[in-house]
Amino acid sequence: MLKPADPGPQGEPPIAELVSELIDEGKGYARAELGVVKAIAAAKARALAVPAALFGVAFICALAAITALAVGIVLALAKLIGPLLGGLAGLLIFAAIAGGLSWYGYERLRRDL
C-alpha cells in the first residue's frame, strides 16, 4: 500500500506557492528593470535634444552659405559671359561637385562594406 506524501516540516509553504511567489517577484524585477531602461533612454534623449537642434540650425546655415556662394558665382560669371550662360556654367560647376562627392561616397561605401 502506498503511503501518503510526507508534507515536510510544518510551517514551510508548499512548492507551488513558492514557485508562484518566484514568478511574481521575477515579473516585478523585470518591470523595474524596464523602468530603469526607459528612464535612462529618456535622460539620454533629453540630453541630445539641444545638440541635435543646434546641429539642425547649423545645417540650415550651411545650406544658406552654399546658396549664397552659388548665387555669387553665377552673378560673377553672368558679368563675363551673360546671365544665361553664367547660370548654365554655375549649374555645371555645382553639378560636377555634387557628382564627384556622390561618386566618392559610393566608392567609400563599396569599399567599407
N, C-alpha and C. Protein backbone atom coordinates (compact mmCIF):
# COMPACT_ATOMS: atom_id res chain seq x y z
N MET A 1 0.83 -1.17 0.00
CA MET A 1 0.00 0.00 0.00
C MET A 1 0.88 1.24 0.00
N LEU A 2 0.47 2.25 -0.76
CA LEU A 2 1.26 3.48 -0.87
C LEU A 2 1.02 4.36 0.33
N LYS A 3 2.10 4.95 0.75
CA LYS A 3 2.00 5.87 1.87
C LYS A 3 1.69 7.27 1.32
N PRO A 4 0.95 8.08 2.02
CA PRO A 4 0.71 9.45 1.57
C PRO A 4 2.02 10.24 1.59
N ALA A 5 2.12 11.23 0.72
CA ALA A 5 3.33 12.05 0.62
C ALA A 5 3.58 12.75 1.93
N ASP A 6 4.85 12.80 2.31
CA ASP A 6 5.23 13.46 3.56
C ASP A 6 5.10 14.96 3.38
N PRO A 7 4.30 15.62 4.15
CA PRO A 7 4.11 17.04 3.97
C PRO A 7 5.35 17.86 4.31
N GLY A 8 6.37 17.28 4.87
CA GLY A 8 7.58 18.01 5.22
C GLY A 8 7.42 18.70 6.55
N PRO A 9 8.42 19.44 6.94
CA PRO A 9 8.34 20.13 8.22
C PRO A 9 7.18 21.12 8.22
N GLN A 10 6.57 21.23 9.34
CA GLN A 10 5.43 22.14 9.47
C GLN A 10 5.91 23.59 9.36
N GLY A 11 5.12 24.44 8.74
CA GLY A 11 5.43 25.86 8.61
C GLY A 11 6.03 26.23 7.26
N GLU A 12 6.49 25.28 6.48
CA GLU A 12 7.03 25.59 5.15
C GLU A 12 5.89 25.64 4.15
N PRO A 13 5.89 26.67 3.29
CA PRO A 13 4.82 26.74 2.29
C PRO A 13 5.02 25.68 1.22
N PRO A 14 3.96 25.30 0.56
CA PRO A 14 4.09 24.30 -0.50
C PRO A 14 4.91 24.85 -1.68
N ILE A 15 5.44 23.95 -2.48
CA ILE A 15 6.31 24.32 -3.61
C ILE A 15 5.55 25.17 -4.61
N ALA A 16 4.30 24.86 -4.88
CA ALA A 16 3.52 25.63 -5.84
C ALA A 16 3.42 27.09 -5.42
N GLU A 17 3.27 27.31 -4.12
CA GLU A 17 3.20 28.69 -3.63
C GLU A 17 4.55 29.39 -3.78
N LEU A 18 5.63 28.67 -3.53
CA LEU A 18 6.97 29.25 -3.69
C LEU A 18 7.25 29.60 -5.15
N VAL A 19 6.84 28.72 -6.05
CA VAL A 19 7.04 28.98 -7.48
C VAL A 19 6.21 30.19 -7.91
N SER A 20 4.99 30.27 -7.41
CA SER A 20 4.14 31.41 -7.74
C SER A 20 4.76 32.72 -7.25
N GLU A 21 5.30 32.72 -6.03
CA GLU A 21 5.97 33.92 -5.49
C GLU A 21 7.20 34.27 -6.33
N LEU A 22 7.95 33.24 -6.71
CA LEU A 22 9.15 33.47 -7.53
C LEU A 22 8.78 34.10 -8.86
N ILE A 23 7.72 33.63 -9.49
CA ILE A 23 7.27 34.19 -10.77
C ILE A 23 6.82 35.63 -10.59
N ASP A 24 6.07 35.90 -9.53
CA ASP A 24 5.60 37.27 -9.27
C ASP A 24 6.77 38.21 -9.02
N GLU A 25 7.76 37.75 -8.24
CA GLU A 25 8.94 38.58 -7.97
C GLU A 25 9.76 38.79 -9.24
N GLY A 26 9.84 37.76 -10.09
CA GLY A 26 10.55 37.90 -11.35
C GLY A 26 9.88 38.92 -12.27
N LYS A 27 8.54 38.88 -12.30
CA LYS A 27 7.81 39.86 -13.10
C LYS A 27 8.04 41.27 -12.56
N GLY A 28 8.02 41.41 -11.25
CA GLY A 28 8.28 42.72 -10.65
C GLY A 28 9.68 43.22 -10.96
N TYR A 29 10.65 42.32 -10.89
CA TYR A 29 12.03 42.69 -11.21
C TYR A 29 12.15 43.11 -12.67
N ALA A 30 11.51 42.35 -13.56
CA ALA A 30 11.57 42.70 -14.99
C ALA A 30 10.93 44.06 -15.24
N ARG A 31 9.80 44.34 -14.58
CA ARG A 31 9.16 45.65 -14.74
C ARG A 31 10.07 46.77 -14.22
N ALA A 32 10.73 46.52 -13.09
CA ALA A 32 11.63 47.53 -12.53
C ALA A 32 12.81 47.78 -13.47
N GLU A 33 13.37 46.71 -14.03
CA GLU A 33 14.48 46.87 -14.99
C GLU A 33 14.03 47.63 -16.23
N LEU A 34 12.84 47.32 -16.72
CA LEU A 34 12.30 48.03 -17.87
C LEU A 34 12.12 49.52 -17.55
N GLY A 35 11.67 49.81 -16.34
CA GLY A 35 11.54 51.20 -15.91
C GLY A 35 12.88 51.92 -15.89
N VAL A 36 13.92 51.23 -15.43
CA VAL A 36 15.26 51.82 -15.39
C VAL A 36 15.75 52.10 -16.81
N VAL A 37 15.54 51.15 -17.71
CA VAL A 37 15.97 51.33 -19.10
C VAL A 37 15.22 52.50 -19.73
N LYS A 38 13.92 52.60 -19.48
CA LYS A 38 13.15 53.72 -20.02
C LYS A 38 13.65 55.05 -19.46
N ALA A 39 13.95 55.08 -18.17
CA ALA A 39 14.44 56.32 -17.56
C ALA A 39 15.79 56.72 -18.15
N ILE A 40 16.67 55.75 -18.38
CA ILE A 40 17.98 56.05 -18.97
C ILE A 40 17.81 56.56 -20.39
N ALA A 41 16.94 55.92 -21.16
CA ALA A 41 16.71 56.35 -22.55
C ALA A 41 16.11 57.75 -22.59
N ALA A 42 15.18 58.04 -21.68
CA ALA A 42 14.58 59.38 -21.65
C ALA A 42 15.61 60.43 -21.28
N ALA A 43 16.49 60.11 -20.34
CA ALA A 43 17.53 61.07 -19.94
C ALA A 43 18.49 61.33 -21.09
N LYS A 44 18.86 60.28 -21.81
CA LYS A 44 19.76 60.46 -22.95
C LYS A 44 19.09 61.25 -24.07
N ALA A 45 17.80 61.00 -24.29
CA ALA A 45 17.08 61.75 -25.32
C ALA A 45 16.99 63.22 -24.95
N ARG A 46 16.74 63.52 -23.68
CA ARG A 46 16.70 64.93 -23.25
C ARG A 46 18.07 65.57 -23.40
N ALA A 47 19.13 64.81 -23.11
CA ALA A 47 20.48 65.36 -23.22
C ALA A 47 20.86 65.63 -24.68
N LEU A 48 20.30 64.85 -25.61
CA LEU A 48 20.65 65.02 -27.02
C LEU A 48 19.74 66.00 -27.76
N ALA A 49 18.68 66.45 -27.13
CA ALA A 49 17.72 67.31 -27.82
C ALA A 49 18.34 68.65 -28.22
N VAL A 50 19.01 69.31 -27.32
CA VAL A 50 19.59 70.62 -27.61
C VAL A 50 20.73 70.52 -28.64
N PRO A 51 21.68 69.58 -28.47
CA PRO A 51 22.71 69.48 -29.51
C PRO A 51 22.14 69.14 -30.88
N ALA A 52 21.12 68.29 -30.93
CA ALA A 52 20.51 67.96 -32.23
C ALA A 52 19.88 69.19 -32.86
N ALA A 53 19.22 70.00 -32.07
CA ALA A 53 18.62 71.24 -32.59
C ALA A 53 19.71 72.18 -33.09
N LEU A 54 20.80 72.29 -32.36
CA LEU A 54 21.90 73.15 -32.79
C LEU A 54 22.52 72.66 -34.09
N PHE A 55 22.70 71.34 -34.22
CA PHE A 55 23.22 70.80 -35.48
C PHE A 55 22.25 71.07 -36.63
N GLY A 56 20.96 70.98 -36.37
CA GLY A 56 19.97 71.28 -37.40
C GLY A 56 20.05 72.71 -37.87
N VAL A 57 20.17 73.64 -36.94
CA VAL A 57 20.28 75.06 -37.30
C VAL A 57 21.60 75.31 -38.04
N ALA A 58 22.67 74.65 -37.59
CA ALA A 58 23.96 74.81 -38.28
C ALA A 58 23.87 74.28 -39.71
N PHE A 59 23.16 73.19 -39.91
CA PHE A 59 22.99 72.64 -41.25
C PHE A 59 22.23 73.61 -42.15
N ILE A 60 21.18 74.21 -41.62
CA ILE A 60 20.41 75.19 -42.40
C ILE A 60 21.28 76.40 -42.75
N CYS A 61 22.10 76.86 -41.81
CA CYS A 61 23.01 77.98 -42.09
C CYS A 61 24.05 77.60 -43.15
N ALA A 62 24.53 76.36 -43.10
CA ALA A 62 25.48 75.91 -44.11
C ALA A 62 24.84 75.87 -45.49
N LEU A 63 23.58 75.43 -45.55
CA LEU A 63 22.87 75.45 -46.83
C LEU A 63 22.71 76.87 -47.35
N ALA A 64 22.41 77.81 -46.46
CA ALA A 64 22.28 79.21 -46.87
C ALA A 64 23.62 79.74 -47.39
N ALA A 65 24.71 79.36 -46.74
CA ALA A 65 26.03 79.81 -47.18
C ALA A 65 26.37 79.25 -48.56
N ILE A 66 26.06 77.98 -48.78
CA ILE A 66 26.34 77.38 -50.09
C ILE A 66 25.48 78.01 -51.17
N THR A 67 24.24 78.33 -50.83
CA THR A 67 23.36 79.01 -51.79
C THR A 67 23.90 80.38 -52.14
N ALA A 68 24.37 81.11 -51.12
CA ALA A 68 24.94 82.43 -51.37
C ALA A 68 26.19 82.33 -52.24
N LEU A 69 27.01 81.31 -52.01
CA LEU A 69 28.20 81.10 -52.83
C LEU A 69 27.79 80.81 -54.28
N ALA A 70 26.79 79.96 -54.46
CA ALA A 70 26.35 79.62 -55.81
C ALA A 70 25.81 80.86 -56.53
N VAL A 71 25.02 81.67 -55.85
CA VAL A 71 24.48 82.89 -56.46
C VAL A 71 25.62 83.84 -56.82
N GLY A 72 26.59 83.95 -55.92
CA GLY A 72 27.73 84.83 -56.20
C GLY A 72 28.51 84.37 -57.41
N ILE A 73 28.73 83.07 -57.54
CA ILE A 73 29.46 82.55 -58.69
C ILE A 73 28.68 82.79 -59.98
N VAL A 74 27.39 82.53 -59.93
CA VAL A 74 26.57 82.74 -61.14
C VAL A 74 26.56 84.22 -61.53
N LEU A 75 26.44 85.12 -60.56
CA LEU A 75 26.44 86.55 -60.88
C LEU A 75 27.79 87.01 -61.42
N ALA A 76 28.87 86.46 -60.88
CA ALA A 76 30.20 86.82 -61.39
C ALA A 76 30.38 86.31 -62.82
N LEU A 77 29.91 85.10 -63.08
CA LEU A 77 30.01 84.57 -64.44
C LEU A 77 29.08 85.30 -65.39
N ALA A 78 27.95 85.78 -64.87
CA ALA A 78 26.99 86.50 -65.72
C ALA A 78 27.61 87.78 -66.27
N LYS A 79 28.47 88.43 -65.50
CA LYS A 79 29.13 89.64 -65.99
C LYS A 79 30.11 89.31 -67.12
N LEU A 80 30.71 88.13 -67.06
CA LEU A 80 31.70 87.76 -68.06
C LEU A 80 31.08 87.16 -69.32
N ILE A 81 30.10 86.26 -69.14
CA ILE A 81 29.59 85.52 -70.31
C ILE A 81 28.08 85.65 -70.50
N GLY A 82 27.43 86.49 -69.73
CA GLY A 82 25.99 86.69 -69.88
C GLY A 82 25.21 85.88 -68.85
N PRO A 83 23.98 86.32 -68.56
CA PRO A 83 23.22 85.69 -67.49
C PRO A 83 22.85 84.23 -67.76
N LEU A 84 22.44 83.91 -68.98
CA LEU A 84 22.02 82.54 -69.27
C LEU A 84 23.20 81.58 -69.22
N LEU A 85 24.29 81.96 -69.88
CA LEU A 85 25.48 81.10 -69.86
C LEU A 85 26.11 81.06 -68.46
N GLY A 86 26.01 82.16 -67.72
CA GLY A 86 26.51 82.17 -66.34
C GLY A 86 25.74 81.19 -65.47
N GLY A 87 24.41 81.18 -65.65
CA GLY A 87 23.59 80.22 -64.90
C GLY A 87 23.90 78.79 -65.28
N LEU A 88 24.07 78.54 -66.58
CA LEU A 88 24.42 77.19 -67.02
C LEU A 88 25.80 76.77 -66.52
N ALA A 89 26.75 77.70 -66.54
CA ALA A 89 28.09 77.38 -66.04
C ALA A 89 28.04 77.08 -64.54
N GLY A 90 27.28 77.88 -63.80
CA GLY A 90 27.12 77.61 -62.36
C GLY A 90 26.48 76.25 -62.11
N LEU A 91 25.47 75.93 -62.93
CA LEU A 91 24.83 74.63 -62.82
C LEU A 91 25.83 73.51 -63.06
N LEU A 92 26.64 73.65 -64.10
CA LEU A 92 27.63 72.62 -64.41
C LEU A 92 28.67 72.49 -63.31
N ILE A 93 29.11 73.62 -62.77
CA ILE A 93 30.12 73.58 -61.71
C ILE A 93 29.59 72.84 -60.48
N PHE A 94 28.40 73.23 -60.02
CA PHE A 94 27.88 72.62 -58.80
C PHE A 94 27.37 71.20 -59.05
N ALA A 95 26.91 70.90 -60.25
CA ALA A 95 26.53 69.53 -60.57
C ALA A 95 27.77 68.62 -60.58
N ALA A 96 28.89 69.16 -61.08
CA ALA A 96 30.13 68.38 -61.08
C ALA A 96 30.61 68.13 -59.65
N ILE A 97 30.51 69.14 -58.80
CA ILE A 97 30.90 68.96 -57.40
C ILE A 97 30.00 67.92 -56.73
N ALA A 98 28.68 68.02 -56.94
CA ALA A 98 27.75 67.05 -56.35
C ALA A 98 28.01 65.64 -56.90
N GLY A 99 28.26 65.53 -58.18
CA GLY A 99 28.55 64.23 -58.77
C GLY A 99 29.83 63.63 -58.22
N GLY A 100 30.86 64.45 -58.09
CA GLY A 100 32.13 63.96 -57.54
C GLY A 100 31.98 63.49 -56.09
N LEU A 101 31.27 64.26 -55.30
CA LEU A 101 31.06 63.85 -53.91
C LEU A 101 30.21 62.58 -53.83
N SER A 102 29.20 62.48 -54.69
CA SER A 102 28.37 61.27 -54.70
C SER A 102 29.19 60.05 -55.12
N TRP A 103 30.01 60.21 -56.14
CA TRP A 103 30.84 59.11 -56.59
C TRP A 103 31.80 58.67 -55.48
N TYR A 104 32.44 59.65 -54.81
CA TYR A 104 33.37 59.33 -53.73
C TYR A 104 32.65 58.61 -52.59
N GLY A 105 31.45 59.08 -52.24
CA GLY A 105 30.68 58.42 -51.19
C GLY A 105 30.31 57.00 -51.57
N TYR A 106 29.92 56.79 -52.83
CA TYR A 106 29.57 55.45 -53.31
C TYR A 106 30.79 54.52 -53.25
N GLU A 107 31.94 55.02 -53.67
CA GLU A 107 33.15 54.21 -53.63
C GLU A 107 33.54 53.86 -52.19
N ARG A 108 33.43 54.83 -51.31
CA ARG A 108 33.74 54.55 -49.90
C ARG A 108 32.78 53.51 -49.32
N LEU A 109 31.51 53.61 -49.69
CA LEU A 109 30.52 52.66 -49.21
C LEU A 109 30.82 51.26 -49.74
N ARG A 110 31.16 51.15 -51.01
CA ARG A 110 31.52 49.84 -51.58
C ARG A 110 32.76 49.27 -50.93
N ARG A 111 33.74 50.13 -50.66
CA ARG A 111 34.99 49.66 -50.07
C ARG A 111 34.80 49.22 -48.63
N ASP A 112 33.99 49.96 -47.87
CA ASP A 112 33.83 49.67 -46.44
C ASP A 112 32.88 48.51 -46.18
N LEU A 113 31.97 48.26 -47.11
CA LEU A 113 31.01 47.16 -46.89
C LEU A 113 31.44 45.98 -47.66
